[in-house]
Amino acid sequence: MTGKARVRARRMPRAERERQMLDAAVRVIGRRGYQAASMDEIAEAAGVSKPLVYLYLHSKRRCSRGASSVRRAP
């Protein structure tokens, strides 16, 4: 050990993490368009791995649908 205490990151609740990914999808799809946007870009914008985006959102189509519902929500 180097003498530095390890700080464990707080685990984000599922709903909050999903919202974070959907917000990133809104930004990426809005900027690049559906066809040009990639799950890699969405994952990077959300600060998560691509497998995590697929685990939560399943596909780009579902991600896009979820993103459009985020835009309509108050």
C-alpha atoms as a PDB file:
ATOM      1  CA  MET A   1       0.000   0.000   0.000  1.00  0.00           C
ATOM      2  CA  THR A   2       1.219   3.486  -0.831  1.00  0.00           C
ATOM      3  CA  GLY A   3      -0.316   5.115   2.216  1.00  0.00           C
ATOM      4  CA  LYS A   4      -3.233   6.581   0.303  1.00  0.00           C
ATOM      5  CA  ALA A   5      -6.667   5.486   1.432  1.00  0.00           C
ATOM      6  CA  ARG A   6      -8.838   4.009  -1.294  1.00  0.00           C
ATOM      7  CA  VAL A   7     -12.046   5.930  -1.769  1.00  0.00           C
ATOM      8  CA  ARG A   8     -14.944   3.845  -2.902  1.00  0.00           C
ATOM      9  CA  ALA A   9     -17.257   5.587  -5.323  1.00  0.00           C
ATOM     10  CA  ARG A  10     -20.911   5.815  -4.385  1.00  0.00           C
ATOM     11  CA  ARG A  11     -23.053   3.525  -6.469  1.00  0.00           C
ATOM     12  CA  MET A  12     -25.611   5.420  -8.474  1.00  0.00           C
ATOM     13  CA  PRO A  13     -29.225   4.169  -8.193  1.00  0.00           C
ATOM     14  CA  ARG A  14     -30.465   2.404 -11.334  1.00  0.00           C
ATOM     15  CA  ALA A  15     -33.069   5.038 -12.218  1.00  0.00           C
ATOM     16  CA  GLU A  16     -30.504   7.825 -11.880  1.00  0.00           C
ATOM     17  CA  ARG A  17     -27.940   5.947 -14.008  1.00  0.00           C
ATOM     18  CA  GLU A  18     -30.570   5.219 -16.676  1.00  0.00           C
ATOM     19  CA  ARG A  19     -31.576   8.887 -16.755  1.00  0.00           C
ATOM     20  CA  GLN A  20     -27.908   9.846 -17.120  1.00  0.00           C
ATOM     21  CA  MET A  21     -27.615   7.569 -20.175  1.00  0.00           C
ATOM     22  CA  LEU A  22     -30.867   8.828 -21.698  1.00  0.00           C
ATOM     23  CA  ASP A  23     -29.769  12.443 -21.231  1.00  0.00           C
ATOM     24  CA  ALA A  24     -26.521  11.582 -23.018  1.00  0.00           C
ATOM     25  CA  ALA A  25     -28.517   9.917 -25.809  1.00  0.00           C
ATOM     26  CA  VAL A  26     -30.612  13.069 -26.236  1.00  0.00           C
ATOM     27  CA  ARG A  27     -27.451  15.151 -26.597  1.00  0.00           C
ATOM     28  CA  VAL A  28     -25.679  12.777 -28.988  1.00  0.00           C
ATOM     29  CA  ILE A  29     -28.699  11.972 -31.174  1.00  0.00           C
ATOM     30  CA  GLY A  30     -29.701  15.644 -31.217  1.00  0.00           C
ATOM     31  CA  ARG A  31     -26.231  16.677 -32.330  1.00  0.00           C
ATOM     32  CA  ARG A  32     -25.420  13.854 -34.781  1.00  0.00           C
ATOM     33  CA  GLY A  33     -28.824  12.481 -35.801  1.00  0.00           C
ATOM     34  CA  TYR A  34     -30.083   8.944 -35.226  1.00  0.00           C
ATOM     35  CA  GLN A  35     -28.206   7.291 -38.106  1.00  0.00           C
ATOM     36  CA  ALA A  36     -24.834   8.887 -37.314  1.00  0.00           C
ATOM     37  CA  ALA A  37     -25.018   8.510 -33.520  1.00  0.00           C
ATOM     38  CA  SER A  38     -23.352   5.442 -32.070  1.00  0.00           C
ATOM     39  CA  MET A  39     -23.720   3.593 -28.808  1.00  0.00           C
ATOM     40  CA  ASP A  40     -19.993   4.229 -28.272  1.00  0.00           C
ATOM     41  CA  GLU A  41     -20.634   7.989 -28.394  1.00  0.00           C
ATOM     42  CA  ILE A  42     -23.623   7.704 -26.077  1.00  0.00           C
ATOM     43  CA  ALA A  43     -21.596   5.657 -23.596  1.00  0.00           C
ATOM     44  CA  GLU A  44     -18.720   8.147 -23.718  1.00  0.00           C
ATOM     45  CA  ALA A  45     -21.075  11.115 -23.244  1.00  0.00           C
ATOM     46  CA  ALA A  46     -22.673   9.364 -20.254  1.00  0.00           C
ATOM     47  CA  GLY A  47     -19.310   8.400 -18.750  1.00  0.00           C
ATOM     48  CA  VAL A  48     -20.091   4.680 -18.750  1.00  0.00           C
ATOM     49  CA  SER A  49     -19.046   1.628 -20.747  1.00  0.00           C
ATOM     50  CA  LYS A  50     -20.843   0.543 -23.901  1.00  0.00           C
ATOM     51  CA  PRO A  51     -21.864  -2.816 -22.334  1.00  0.00           C
ATOM     52  CA  LEU A  52     -23.536  -0.880 -19.510  1.00  0.00           C
ATOM     53  CA  VAL A  53     -25.546   1.169 -22.038  1.00  0.00           C
ATOM     54  CA  TYR A  54     -26.707  -2.077 -23.671  1.00  0.00           C
ATOM     55  CA  LEU A  55     -27.520  -3.596 -20.257  1.00  0.00           C
ATOM     56  CA  TYR A  56     -29.757  -0.655 -19.352  1.00  0.00           C
ATOM     57  CA  LEU A  57     -31.118   0.485 -22.711  1.00  0.00           C
ATOM     58  CA  HIS A  58     -30.769  -2.715 -24.830  1.00  0.00           C
ATOM     59  CA  SER A  59     -30.456  -1.160 -28.305  1.00  0.00           C
ATOM     60  CA  LYS A  60     -30.045   2.126 -30.141  1.00  0.00           C
ATOM     61  CA  ARG A  61     -33.703   1.994 -31.163  1.00  0.00           C
ATOM     62  CA  ARG A  62     -34.879   1.624 -27.551  1.00  0.00           C
ATOM     63  CA  CYS A  63     -32.347   4.236 -26.524  1.00  0.00           C
ATOM     64  CA  SER A  64     -33.802   6.630 -29.085  1.00  0.00           C
ATOM     65  CA  ARG A  65     -37.359   5.928 -27.917  1.00  0.00           C
ATOM     66  CA  GLY A  66     -36.339   6.515 -24.317  1.00  0.00           C
ATOM     67  CA  ALA A  67     -34.538   9.688 -25.303  1.00  0.00           C
ATOM     68  CA  SER A  68     -37.623  11.034 -27.036  1.00  0.00           C
ATOM     69  CA  SER A  69     -39.717  10.353 -23.923  1.00  0.00           C
ATOM     70  CA  VAL A  70     -37.147  12.258 -21.831  1.00  0.00           C
ATOM     71  CA  ARG A  71     -37.564  15.284 -24.109  1.00  0.00           C
ATOM     72  CA  ARG A  72     -41.352  15.210 -23.659  1.00  0.00           C
ATOM     73  CA  ALA A  73     -41.259  14.800 -19.877  1.00  0.00           C
ATOM     74  CA  PRO A  74     -41.674  17.989 -17.810  1.00  0.00           C
END
